[in-house]
């Protein structure tokens, strides 16, 4: 996946158009579109990466890299569903977290 394709995918996932992304990141009109065929300046790509909460490396790599937002212990990639479970867990009270962990341990023991 190219840098431009990754940006486009992130924009779609975050419901922002490329034109609006350029405005929010203080980039000129059509700047990101030029990245289809040209390597972006690091400072400009940094503003896009910061907007999405991803690393510059994520946009420059041909591989899916774990980021702080989507990685678990040891940098393993979390699926969207796993990420949602972690967020739900964090929203629970301490008592409910303990109950949830005990429930998972019972499930694991049943297999």
Protein backbone atom coordinates (compact mmCIF):
# COMPACT_ATOMS: atom_id res chain seq x y z
CA UNK A 1 0.00 0.00 0.00
CA UNK A 2 1.40 3.41 -0.92
CA UNK A 3 1.66 6.41 1.36
CA UNK A 4 -1.24 8.09 -0.43
CA UNK A 5 -3.39 4.93 -0.18
CA UNK A 6 -2.76 4.71 3.56
CA UNK A 7 -3.71 8.35 4.03
CA UNK A 8 -6.83 7.89 1.93
CA UNK A 9 -7.79 4.81 3.97
CA UNK A 10 -7.28 6.66 7.26
CA UNK A 11 -9.29 9.60 5.95
CA UNK A 12 -12.17 7.31 5.00
CA UNK A 13 -12.05 5.55 8.38
CA UNK A 14 -12.18 8.95 10.11
CA UNK A 15 -14.85 10.41 7.81
CA UNK A 16 -12.71 13.30 6.59
CA UNK A 17 -12.14 14.25 2.98
CA UNK A 18 -8.63 14.71 1.65
CA UNK A 19 -9.45 18.40 1.01
CA UNK A 20 -10.54 18.92 4.63
CA UNK A 21 -7.53 16.97 5.89
CA UNK A 22 -5.26 19.31 3.93
CA UNK A 23 -6.99 22.32 5.53
CA UNK A 24 -6.76 20.90 9.06
CA UNK A 25 -3.07 20.06 8.56
CA UNK A 26 -2.30 23.47 7.00
CA UNK A 27 -1.32 21.94 3.67
CA UNK A 28 -1.92 23.51 0.30
CA UNK A 29 -4.84 22.40 -1.84
CA UNK A 30 -3.86 19.27 -3.77
CA UNK A 31 -0.72 18.59 -1.73
CA UNK A 32 -1.74 15.10 -0.60
CA UNK A 33 -2.89 14.18 -4.11
CA UNK A 34 0.65 14.86 -5.36
CA UNK A 35 1.87 12.16 -2.98
CA UNK A 36 0.43 9.55 -5.34
CA UNK A 37 3.60 9.96 -7.42
CA UNK A 38 6.01 11.88 -5.19
CA UNK A 39 7.48 11.36 -1.75
CA UNK A 40 6.08 13.91 0.72
CA UNK A 41 8.26 16.23 2.75
CA UNK A 42 8.71 14.81 6.23
CA UNK A 43 7.32 17.92 7.93
CA UNK A 44 4.12 17.73 5.89
CA UNK A 45 3.68 14.00 6.38
CA UNK A 46 4.30 14.49 10.12
CA UNK A 47 1.26 16.79 10.35
CA UNK A 48 -0.93 14.13 8.70
CA UNK A 49 0.51 11.36 10.89
CA UNK A 50 -0.08 13.44 14.02
CA UNK A 51 -3.66 14.12 12.96
CA UNK A 52 -4.39 10.39 12.73
CA UNK A 53 -2.30 9.49 15.78
CA UNK A 54 0.00 7.26 13.73
CA UNK A 55 3.72 7.21 13.10
CA UNK A 56 5.32 8.58 9.95
CA UNK A 57 6.74 5.09 9.44
CA UNK A 58 3.21 3.71 9.20
CA UNK A 59 2.56 5.82 6.11
CA UNK A 60 5.94 5.11 4.52
CA UNK A 61 5.96 1.36 5.09
CA UNK A 62 4.58 -1.32 2.81
CA UNK A 63 3.66 -3.39 5.86
CA UNK A 64 1.08 -2.98 8.60
CA UNK A 65 3.01 -1.72 11.58
CA UNK A 66 1.66 -1.80 15.11
CA UNK A 67 1.22 1.68 16.55
CA UNK A 68 0.73 2.85 20.08
CA UNK A 69 -3.01 3.05 19.43
CA UNK A 70 -3.48 -0.44 18.01
CA UNK A 71 -0.77 -2.53 19.62
CA UNK A 72 -0.89 -4.71 22.67
CA UNK A 73 1.79 -6.10 24.93
CA UNK A 74 4.98 -6.76 23.02
CA UNK A 75 3.79 -4.66 20.06
CA UNK A 76 1.40 -7.30 18.71
CA UNK A 77 -1.30 -5.92 16.46
CA UNK A 78 -4.82 -5.75 17.88
CA UNK A 79 -7.82 -6.14 15.63
CA UNK A 80 -10.51 -3.49 15.74
CA UNK A 81 -12.70 -5.86 17.77
CA UNK A 82 -9.90 -6.53 20.27
CA UNK A 83 -9.26 -2.80 20.60
CA UNK A 84 -12.98 -2.25 21.33
CA UNK A 85 -12.88 -4.96 24.02
CA UNK A 86 -9.89 -3.26 25.69
CA UNK A 87 -11.69 0.10 25.60
CA UNK A 88 -14.84 -1.47 27.07
CA UNK A 89 -12.78 -3.14 29.80
CA UNK A 90 -11.14 0.15 30.73
CA UNK A 91 -14.55 1.80 31.12
CA UNK A 92 -15.60 -0.76 33.77
CA UNK A 93 -15.28 -0.21 37.50
CA UNK A 94 -12.53 -2.11 39.31
CA UNK A 95 -15.08 -4.57 40.70
CA UNK A 96 -16.50 -5.22 37.22
CA UNK A 97 -13.00 -5.60 35.78
CA UNK A 98 -12.25 -8.31 38.35
CA UNK A 99 -15.54 -10.06 37.51
CA UNK A 100 -14.74 -9.85 33.81
CA UNK A 101 -11.28 -11.34 34.28
CA UNK A 102 -12.68 -14.15 36.42
CA UNK A 103 -15.31 -14.81 33.74
CA UNK A 104 -12.60 -15.05 31.07
CA UNK A 105 -10.54 -17.38 33.23
CA UNK A 106 -13.57 -19.63 33.72
CA UNK A 107 -14.16 -19.64 29.94
CA UNK A 108 -10.55 -20.51 29.29
CA UNK A 109 -10.71 -23.33 31.86
CA UNK A 110 -13.81 -24.82 30.18
CA UNK A 111 -11.91 -25.51 26.95
